[in-house]
Amino acid sequence: MSIYDYEVTMEDGESYNLKQYEGQPMIIVNTATKCGLSGQFEELEMLYQKYKENGLIILGFPSNQFKQELGSAAESAESCRLTYGVTFPMHQLTVINGKDAAPLFKYLKEQAPGTMGDSIKWNFTKFLVSPDGKRVKRFAPKTSPKDMVTSIEELLKR
């Protein structure tokens, strides 16, 4: 399987296949609007605005597994837009750990295990996927999105 075999669902319930982003680097991040790290939304949006013309896509997946998210995907997305100016795609509330984890997140964790093995330890774990979909690099929750610039620019040169 590759990253392009997965289907995801937008905040409004519309589903699509990640194949539409083939050839583009992607940042896939689990988010939470009430998390102490939520300031990263602004940094992620800054990256998106800076590099989207070069093909970078950022996909936000709100998760309430750490009990820091609003009640619905629509509320979460609206909060992200109004509070942080987010324009990148936001998705349905997503289970990221455990037996009910979304297939996409199971795949990402297999491709780029963290210090806790097959778990995501907190909100704002970021996965940078290469344009060919074959390489995934994981960034810790406390890693600032700004610290991803070198890795992003390396992928954009290819």
N, C-alpha and C. Protein backbone atom coordinates (compact mmCIF):
# COMPACT_ATOMS: atom_id res chain seq x y z
N MET A 1 0.84 -1.19 0.00
CA MET A 1 0.00 0.00 0.00
C MET A 1 0.88 1.25 0.00
N SER A 2 0.33 2.31 -0.53
CA SER A 2 1.02 3.59 -0.46
C SER A 2 0.05 4.61 0.13
N ILE A 3 0.57 5.77 0.44
CA ILE A 3 -0.24 6.85 0.99
C ILE A 3 -1.40 7.19 0.06
N TYR A 4 -1.19 6.94 -1.24
CA TYR A 4 -2.20 7.31 -2.23
C TYR A 4 -3.35 6.31 -2.32
N ASP A 5 -3.31 5.26 -1.53
CA ASP A 5 -4.40 4.29 -1.49
C ASP A 5 -5.45 4.64 -0.45
N TYR A 6 -5.22 5.69 0.32
CA TYR A 6 -6.12 6.01 1.43
C TYR A 6 -7.15 7.06 1.05
N GLU A 7 -8.33 6.86 1.58
CA GLU A 7 -9.42 7.81 1.43
C GLU A 7 -9.61 8.50 2.76
N VAL A 8 -9.86 9.79 2.73
CA VAL A 8 -10.08 10.58 3.93
C VAL A 8 -11.36 11.39 3.77
N THR A 9 -11.85 11.91 4.88
CA THR A 9 -13.12 12.64 4.85
C THR A 9 -12.93 14.04 5.41
N MET A 10 -13.35 15.00 4.62
CA MET A 10 -13.29 16.41 5.00
C MET A 10 -14.25 16.68 6.16
N GLU A 11 -14.07 17.84 6.77
CA GLU A 11 -14.93 18.25 7.89
C GLU A 11 -16.41 18.25 7.52
N ASP A 12 -16.73 18.50 6.23
CA ASP A 12 -18.12 18.58 5.79
C ASP A 12 -18.69 17.22 5.38
N GLY A 13 -17.90 16.16 5.54
CA GLY A 13 -18.37 14.82 5.22
C GLY A 13 -18.01 14.33 3.83
N GLU A 14 -17.41 15.19 3.01
CA GLU A 14 -17.02 14.79 1.66
C GLU A 14 -15.73 13.97 1.72
N SER A 15 -15.75 12.79 1.09
CA SER A 15 -14.58 11.92 1.07
C SER A 15 -13.82 12.07 -0.24
N TYR A 16 -12.52 11.85 -0.18
CA TYR A 16 -11.69 11.88 -1.37
C TYR A 16 -10.47 10.99 -1.14
N ASN A 17 -9.80 10.67 -2.23
CA ASN A 17 -8.62 9.82 -2.18
C ASN A 17 -7.36 10.70 -2.18
N LEU A 18 -6.37 10.32 -1.37
CA LEU A 18 -5.13 11.10 -1.30
C LEU A 18 -4.35 11.07 -2.61
N LYS A 19 -4.75 10.21 -3.53
CA LYS A 19 -4.09 10.16 -4.84
C LYS A 19 -4.12 11.52 -5.53
N GLN A 20 -5.10 12.35 -5.19
CA GLN A 20 -5.17 13.67 -5.82
C GLN A 20 -3.96 14.54 -5.48
N TYR A 21 -3.19 14.16 -4.45
CA TYR A 21 -2.01 14.92 -4.08
C TYR A 21 -0.71 14.24 -4.53
N GLU A 22 -0.82 13.22 -5.35
CA GLU A 22 0.37 12.54 -5.84
C GLU A 22 1.28 13.55 -6.53
N GLY A 23 2.56 13.47 -6.22
CA GLY A 23 3.53 14.39 -6.79
C GLY A 23 3.74 15.65 -5.97
N GLN A 24 3.01 15.78 -4.86
CA GLN A 24 3.14 16.94 -3.99
C GLN A 24 3.62 16.49 -2.61
N PRO A 25 4.50 17.27 -1.97
CA PRO A 25 4.81 16.94 -0.58
C PRO A 25 3.60 17.28 0.29
N MET A 26 3.38 16.47 1.31
CA MET A 26 2.25 16.67 2.22
C MET A 26 2.72 16.70 3.66
N ILE A 27 2.11 17.56 4.44
CA ILE A 27 2.24 17.50 5.89
C ILE A 27 0.88 17.04 6.40
N ILE A 28 0.88 15.93 7.11
CA ILE A 28 -0.35 15.40 7.72
C ILE A 28 -0.16 15.54 9.22
N VAL A 29 -1.10 16.22 9.87
CA VAL A 29 -0.93 16.53 11.29
C VAL A 29 -2.22 16.26 12.05
N ASN A 30 -2.08 15.62 13.23
CA ASN A 30 -3.25 15.48 14.11
C ASN A 30 -3.31 16.73 14.98
N THR A 31 -4.48 17.32 15.05
CA THR A 31 -4.63 18.62 15.70
C THR A 31 -5.64 18.57 16.83
N ALA A 32 -5.63 19.62 17.64
CA ALA A 32 -6.63 19.81 18.69
C ALA A 32 -6.69 21.30 19.01
N THR A 33 -7.86 21.87 18.93
CA THR A 33 -8.00 23.32 19.08
C THR A 33 -7.80 23.79 20.52
N LYS A 34 -8.00 22.90 21.50
CA LYS A 34 -7.85 23.32 22.90
C LYS A 34 -6.50 22.88 23.49
N CYS A 35 -5.59 22.47 22.65
CA CYS A 35 -4.27 22.00 23.09
C CYS A 35 -3.35 23.20 23.34
N GLY A 36 -2.45 23.06 24.27
CA GLY A 36 -1.46 24.09 24.54
C GLY A 36 -0.54 24.35 23.36
N LEU A 37 -0.48 23.42 22.41
CA LEU A 37 0.35 23.58 21.22
C LEU A 37 -0.42 24.16 20.04
N SER A 38 -1.65 24.61 20.28
CA SER A 38 -2.51 25.06 19.18
C SER A 38 -1.95 26.28 18.44
N GLY A 39 -0.99 26.98 19.02
CA GLY A 39 -0.34 28.07 18.31
C GLY A 39 0.36 27.58 17.04
N GLN A 40 0.59 26.27 16.96
CA GLN A 40 1.21 25.72 15.76
C GLN A 40 0.30 25.85 14.54
N PHE A 41 -1.00 26.04 14.75
CA PHE A 41 -1.88 26.28 13.60
C PHE A 41 -1.37 27.48 12.79
N GLU A 42 -0.99 28.54 13.48
CA GLU A 42 -0.50 29.74 12.79
C GLU A 42 0.78 29.44 12.02
N GLU A 43 1.68 28.68 12.63
CA GLU A 43 2.93 28.32 11.95
C GLU A 43 2.67 27.42 10.75
N LEU A 44 1.76 26.46 10.90
CA LEU A 44 1.41 25.59 9.78
C LEU A 44 0.80 26.40 8.64
N GLU A 45 -0.08 27.33 8.98
CA GLU A 45 -0.69 28.17 7.96
C GLU A 45 0.36 29.03 7.27
N MET A 46 1.33 29.52 8.02
CA MET A 46 2.42 30.30 7.44
C MET A 46 3.19 29.45 6.41
N LEU A 47 3.49 28.20 6.77
CA LEU A 47 4.17 27.30 5.83
C LEU A 47 3.31 27.06 4.59
N TYR A 48 2.02 26.85 4.82
CA TYR A 48 1.11 26.59 3.72
C TYR A 48 1.09 27.76 2.75
N GLN A 49 0.98 28.96 3.29
CA GLN A 49 0.95 30.15 2.43
C GLN A 49 2.28 30.33 1.68
N LYS A 50 3.38 30.02 2.34
CA LYS A 50 4.69 30.22 1.73
C LYS A 50 4.97 29.21 0.62
N TYR A 51 4.51 27.94 0.80
CA TYR A 51 4.92 26.88 -0.11
C TYR A 51 3.81 26.25 -0.94
N LYS A 52 2.57 26.68 -0.77
CA LYS A 52 1.49 26.02 -1.51
C LYS A 52 1.63 26.21 -3.02
N GLU A 53 2.15 27.34 -3.46
CA GLU A 53 2.36 27.57 -4.89
C GLU A 53 3.41 26.62 -5.46
N ASN A 54 4.27 26.09 -4.59
CA ASN A 54 5.28 25.12 -4.99
C ASN A 54 4.78 23.69 -4.85
N GLY A 55 3.52 23.52 -4.39
CA GLY A 55 2.92 22.20 -4.32
C GLY A 55 2.68 21.64 -2.94
N LEU A 56 3.18 22.29 -1.88
CA LEU A 56 2.98 21.74 -0.53
C LEU A 56 1.50 21.75 -0.16
N ILE A 57 1.05 20.64 0.38
CA ILE A 57 -0.31 20.56 0.92
C ILE A 57 -0.20 20.20 2.40
N ILE A 58 -1.03 20.83 3.21
CA ILE A 58 -1.10 20.50 4.63
C ILE A 58 -2.51 20.01 4.89
N LEU A 59 -2.60 18.88 5.58
CA LEU A 59 -3.89 18.27 5.89
C LEU A 59 -4.02 18.14 7.41
N GLY A 60 -5.02 18.81 7.97
CA GLY A 60 -5.26 18.76 9.41
C GLY A 60 -6.32 17.73 9.75
N PHE A 61 -6.02 16.91 10.75
CA PHE A 61 -6.94 15.88 11.22
C PHE A 61 -7.18 16.07 12.71
N PRO A 62 -8.26 16.76 13.07
CA PRO A 62 -8.55 16.94 14.49
C PRO A 62 -8.82 15.60 15.17
N SER A 63 -8.32 15.48 16.39
CA SER A 63 -8.52 14.26 17.15
C SER A 63 -8.84 14.64 18.59
N ASN A 64 -9.76 13.91 19.17
CA ASN A 64 -10.12 14.15 20.57
C ASN A 64 -9.57 13.05 21.47
N GLN A 65 -8.60 12.29 21.00
CA GLN A 65 -8.07 11.21 21.82
C GLN A 65 -7.39 11.70 23.08
N PHE A 66 -6.96 12.95 23.08
CA PHE A 66 -6.31 13.51 24.26
C PHE A 66 -7.23 14.50 24.97
N LYS A 67 -8.51 14.44 24.61
CA LYS A 67 -9.57 15.23 25.25
C LYS A 67 -9.32 16.74 25.17
N GLN A 68 -8.86 17.19 23.98
CA GLN A 68 -8.58 18.61 23.81
C GLN A 68 -9.18 19.17 22.52
N GLU A 69 -10.26 18.56 22.07
CA GLU A 69 -10.88 19.01 20.83
C GLU A 69 -12.34 19.35 21.09
N LEU A 70 -12.87 20.19 20.22
CA LEU A 70 -14.28 20.57 20.30
C LEU A 70 -15.16 19.38 19.91
N GLY A 71 -16.46 19.54 20.01
CA GLY A 71 -17.39 18.44 19.84
C GLY A 71 -17.55 17.87 18.45
N SER A 72 -17.23 18.65 17.41
CA SER A 72 -17.42 18.14 16.05
C SER A 72 -16.33 18.68 15.13
N ALA A 73 -16.20 18.03 13.99
CA ALA A 73 -15.22 18.46 12.99
C ALA A 73 -15.55 19.87 12.48
N ALA A 74 -16.83 20.15 12.30
CA ALA A 74 -17.24 21.47 11.81
C ALA A 74 -16.87 22.56 12.81
N GLU A 75 -17.11 22.31 14.10
CA GLU A 75 -16.74 23.29 15.13
C GLU A 75 -15.23 23.50 15.17
N SER A 76 -14.50 22.40 15.07
CA SER A 76 -13.04 22.47 15.08
C SER A 76 -12.52 23.28 13.90
N ALA A 77 -13.00 22.97 12.71
CA ALA A 77 -12.54 23.67 11.51
C ALA A 77 -12.89 25.16 11.58
N GLU A 78 -14.10 25.48 12.06
CA GLU A 78 -14.50 26.88 12.17
C GLU A 78 -13.60 27.61 13.16
N SER A 79 -13.30 26.97 14.28
CA SER A 79 -12.41 27.57 15.27
C SER A 79 -11.02 27.81 14.68
N CYS A 80 -10.52 26.85 13.91
CA CYS A 80 -9.21 26.99 13.27
C CYS A 80 -9.19 28.16 12.29
N ARG A 81 -10.25 28.30 11.55
CA ARG A 81 -10.34 29.40 10.57
C ARG A 81 -10.43 30.75 11.27
N LEU A 82 -11.32 30.83 12.26
CA LEU A 82 -11.56 32.12 12.92
C LEU A 82 -10.43 32.52 13.85
N THR A 83 -9.89 31.58 14.60
CA THR A 83 -8.87 31.90 15.60
C THR A 83 -7.47 31.99 15.01
N TYR A 84 -7.16 31.10 14.06
CA TYR A 84 -5.78 30.99 13.57
C TYR A 84 -5.63 31.30 12.08
N GLY A 85 -6.72 31.58 11.39
CA GLY A 85 -6.65 31.91 9.97
C GLY A 85 -6.34 30.73 9.07
N VAL A 86 -6.65 29.52 9.53
CA VAL A 86 -6.32 28.31 8.77
C VAL A 86 -7.11 28.26 7.46
N THR A 87 -6.39 28.02 6.36
CA THR A 87 -7.03 27.82 5.05
C THR A 87 -6.74 26.44 4.47
N PHE A 88 -5.80 25.70 5.07
CA PHE A 88 -5.53 24.35 4.56
C PHE A 88 -6.66 23.41 4.94
N PRO A 89 -6.82 22.30 4.22
CA PRO A 89 -7.95 21.40 4.44
C PRO A 89 -7.97 20.78 5.85
N MET A 90 -9.14 20.83 6.45
CA MET A 90 -9.38 20.19 7.74
C MET A 90 -10.35 19.03 7.53
N HIS A 91 -10.22 18.00 8.35
CA HIS A 91 -10.94 16.76 8.14
C HIS A 91 -11.82 16.40 9.33
N GLN A 92 -12.50 15.26 9.22
CA GLN A 92 -13.34 14.75 10.29
C GLN A 92 -12.51 14.45 11.53
N LEU A 93 -13.16 14.45 12.70
CA LEU A 93 -12.48 14.01 13.92
C LEU A 93 -11.95 12.60 13.66
N THR A 94 -10.70 12.36 14.01
CA THR A 94 -10.03 11.14 13.62
C THR A 94 -9.42 10.44 14.82
N VAL A 95 -9.60 9.13 14.88
CA VAL A 95 -8.94 8.31 15.90
C VAL A 95 -7.53 8.02 15.37
N ILE A 96 -6.53 8.34 16.18
CA ILE A 96 -5.14 8.21 15.72
C ILE A 96 -4.38 7.07 16.38
N ASN A 97 -4.85 6.60 17.52
CA ASN A 97 -4.20 5.52 18.25
C ASN A 97 -5.19 4.42 18.59
N GLY A 98 -4.65 3.23 18.87
CA GLY A 98 -5.48 2.13 19.32
C GLY A 98 -6.05 1.30 18.18
N LYS A 99 -6.86 0.33 18.57
CA LYS A 99 -7.39 -0.62 17.58
C LYS A 99 -8.33 0.05 16.58
N ASP A 100 -8.93 1.17 16.94
CA ASP A 100 -9.85 1.87 16.05
C ASP A 100 -9.19 3.02 15.28
N ALA A 101 -7.86 3.08 15.33
CA ALA A 101 -7.15 4.16 14.62
C ALA A 101 -7.50 4.14 13.14
N ALA A 102 -7.59 5.32 12.58
CA ALA A 102 -7.86 5.46 11.14
C ALA A 102 -6.75 4.76 10.35
N PRO A 103 -7.10 4.06 9.28
CA PRO A 103 -6.08 3.37 8.48
C PRO A 103 -4.93 4.28 8.05
N LEU A 104 -5.21 5.53 7.69
CA LEU A 104 -4.15 6.45 7.29
C LEU A 104 -3.13 6.61 8.41
N PHE A 105 -3.59 6.78 9.64
CA PHE A 105 -2.66 6.98 10.75
C PHE A 105 -1.94 5.69 11.12
N LYS A 106 -2.57 4.56 10.95
CA LYS A 106 -1.85 3.29 11.13
C LYS A 106 -0.69 3.22 10.14
N TYR A 107 -0.96 3.57 8.91
CA TYR A 107 0.06 3.55 7.86
C TYR A 107 1.20 4.52 8.19
N LEU A 108 0.86 5.75 8.55
CA LEU A 108 1.89 6.74 8.85
C LEU A 108 2.78 6.29 10.00
N LYS A 109 2.19 5.72 11.04
CA LYS A 109 2.97 5.26 12.19
C LYS A 109 3.86 4.08 11.84
N GLU A 110 3.42 3.24 10.91
CA GLU A 110 4.27 2.13 10.45
C GLU A 110 5.45 2.66 9.65
N GLN A 111 5.20 3.67 8.83
CA GLN A 111 6.24 4.24 7.97
C GLN A 111 7.26 5.08 8.75
N ALA A 112 6.81 5.70 9.82
CA ALA A 112 7.68 6.58 10.60
C ALA A 112 7.36 6.40 12.09
N PRO A 113 7.84 5.30 12.67
CA PRO A 113 7.57 5.07 14.10
C PRO A 113 8.21 6.18 14.95
N GLY A 114 7.60 6.45 16.06
CA GLY A 114 8.13 7.46 16.97
C GLY A 114 8.83 6.81 18.14
N THR A 115 9.17 7.60 19.12
CA THR A 115 9.85 7.09 20.30
C THR A 115 8.95 6.15 21.11
N MET A 116 7.64 6.27 20.91
CA MET A 116 6.70 5.39 21.60
C MET A 116 6.24 4.25 20.68
N GLY A 117 7.02 3.98 19.65
CA GLY A 117 6.68 2.89 18.74
C GLY A 117 5.51 3.24 17.87
N ASP A 118 4.44 2.43 17.99
CA ASP A 118 3.31 2.63 17.09
C ASP A 118 2.25 3.59 17.62
N SER A 119 2.59 4.39 18.62
CA SER A 119 1.64 5.37 19.15
C SER A 119 2.04 6.78 18.78
N ILE A 120 1.04 7.63 18.76
CA ILE A 120 1.27 9.07 18.65
C ILE A 120 1.10 9.58 20.07
N LYS A 121 2.14 10.26 20.58
CA LYS A 121 2.11 10.59 22.00
C LYS A 121 1.31 11.84 22.33
N TRP A 122 1.05 12.72 21.32
CA TRP A 122 0.32 13.93 21.66
C TRP A 122 -0.17 14.61 20.38
N ASN A 123 -0.98 15.62 20.56
CA ASN A 123 -1.47 16.43 19.44
C ASN A 123 -0.30 17.12 18.74
N PHE A 124 -0.50 17.41 17.48
CA PHE A 124 0.47 18.10 16.63
C PHE A 124 1.71 17.26 16.31
N THR A 125 1.52 15.95 16.25
CA THR A 125 2.54 15.11 15.63
C THR A 125 2.39 15.33 14.14
N LYS A 126 3.50 15.63 13.49
CA LYS A 126 3.47 16.01 12.08
C LYS A 126 4.21 14.96 11.24
N PHE A 127 3.61 14.58 10.12
CA PHE A 127 4.22 13.62 9.20
C PHE A 127 4.43 14.34 7.87
N LEU A 128 5.68 14.39 7.42
CA LEU A 128 6.02 14.99 6.14
C LEU A 128 6.20 13.85 5.14
N VAL A 129 5.37 13.85 4.10
CA VAL A 129 5.36 12.79 3.10
C VAL A 129 6.00 13.32 1.81
N SER A 130 6.92 12.54 1.26
CA SER A 130 7.60 12.95 0.03
C SER A 130 6.62 12.95 -1.15
N PRO A 131 6.94 13.70 -2.21
CA PRO A 131 6.04 13.78 -3.36
C PRO A 131 5.76 12.42 -4.03
N ASP A 132 6.70 11.49 -3.93
CA ASP A 132 6.46 10.16 -4.50
C ASP A 132 5.66 9.27 -3.55
N GLY A 133 5.41 9.77 -2.34
CA GLY A 133 4.62 9.03 -1.37
C GLY A 133 5.36 7.89 -0.69
N LYS A 134 6.65 7.75 -0.96
CA LYS A 134 7.40 6.60 -0.44
C LYS A 134 8.16 6.87 0.84
N ARG A 135 8.41 8.14 1.15
CA ARG A 135 9.16 8.47 2.35
C ARG A 135 8.30 9.33 3.27
N VAL A 136 8.33 8.95 4.54
CA VAL A 136 7.59 9.69 5.55
C VAL A 136 8.56 10.04 6.68
N LYS A 137 8.58 11.30 7.05
CA LYS A 137 9.41 11.75 8.17
C LYS A 137 8.48 12.28 9.25
N ARG A 138 8.74 11.86 10.48
CA ARG A 138 7.89 12.23 11.61
C ARG A 138 8.54 13.34 12.42
N PHE A 139 7.71 14.31 12.83
CA PHE A 139 8.16 15.40 13.67
C PHE A 139 7.34 15.39 14.95
N ALA A 140 8.02 15.54 16.08
CA ALA A 140 7.38 15.48 17.40
C ALA A 140 6.41 16.63 17.61
N PRO A 141 5.45 16.44 18.52
CA PRO A 141 4.48 17.50 18.80
C PRO A 141 5.12 18.85 19.15
N LYS A 142 6.16 18.84 19.93
CA LYS A 142 6.77 20.11 20.36
C LYS A 142 7.69 20.71 19.29
N THR A 143 7.98 19.97 18.22
CA THR A 143 8.79 20.52 17.14
C THR A 143 7.98 21.59 16.42
N SER A 144 8.53 22.78 16.35
CA SER A 144 7.85 23.86 15.67
C SER A 144 7.74 23.55 14.18
N PRO A 145 6.61 23.83 13.56
CA PRO A 145 6.53 23.67 12.11
C PRO A 145 7.63 24.45 11.37
N LYS A 146 8.08 25.56 11.94
CA LYS A 146 9.16 26.34 11.33
C LYS A 146 10.43 25.50 11.20
N ASP A 147 10.62 24.54 12.11
CA ASP A 147 11.80 23.68 12.08
C ASP A 147 11.72 22.62 10.99
N MET A 148 10.63 22.59 10.26
CA MET A 148 10.46 21.65 9.16
C MET A 148 10.88 22.24 7.82
N VAL A 149 11.20 23.52 7.79
CA VAL A 149 11.47 24.23 6.54
C VAL A 149 12.55 23.55 5.70
N THR A 150 13.67 23.19 6.31
CA THR A 150 14.76 22.57 5.55
C THR A 150 14.28 21.29 4.88
N SER A 151 13.55 20.46 5.61
CA SER A 151 13.04 19.20 5.05
C SER A 151 12.03 19.45 3.94
N ILE A 152 11.18 20.45 4.12
CA ILE A 152 10.19 20.80 3.09
C ILE A 152 10.90 21.27 1.83
N GLU A 153 11.85 22.16 1.99
CA GLU A 153 12.56 22.71 0.83
C GLU A 153 13.35 21.63 0.09
N GLU A 154 13.90 20.66 0.81
CA GLU A 154 14.58 19.54 0.15
C GLU A 154 13.62 18.76 -0.75
N LEU A 155 12.39 18.55 -0.26
CA LEU A 155 11.40 17.81 -1.06
C LEU A 155 10.93 18.64 -2.26
N LEU A 156 10.86 19.93 -2.11
CA LEU A 156 10.40 20.79 -3.21
C LEU A 156 11.43 20.91 -4.32
N LYS A 157 12.69 20.63 -4.03
CA LYS A 157 13.75 20.70 -5.04
C LYS A 157 13.71 19.50 -5.98
N ARG A 158 13.08 18.41 -5.56
CA ARG A 158 13.09 17.17 -6.35
C ARG A 158 12.13 17.23 -7.49
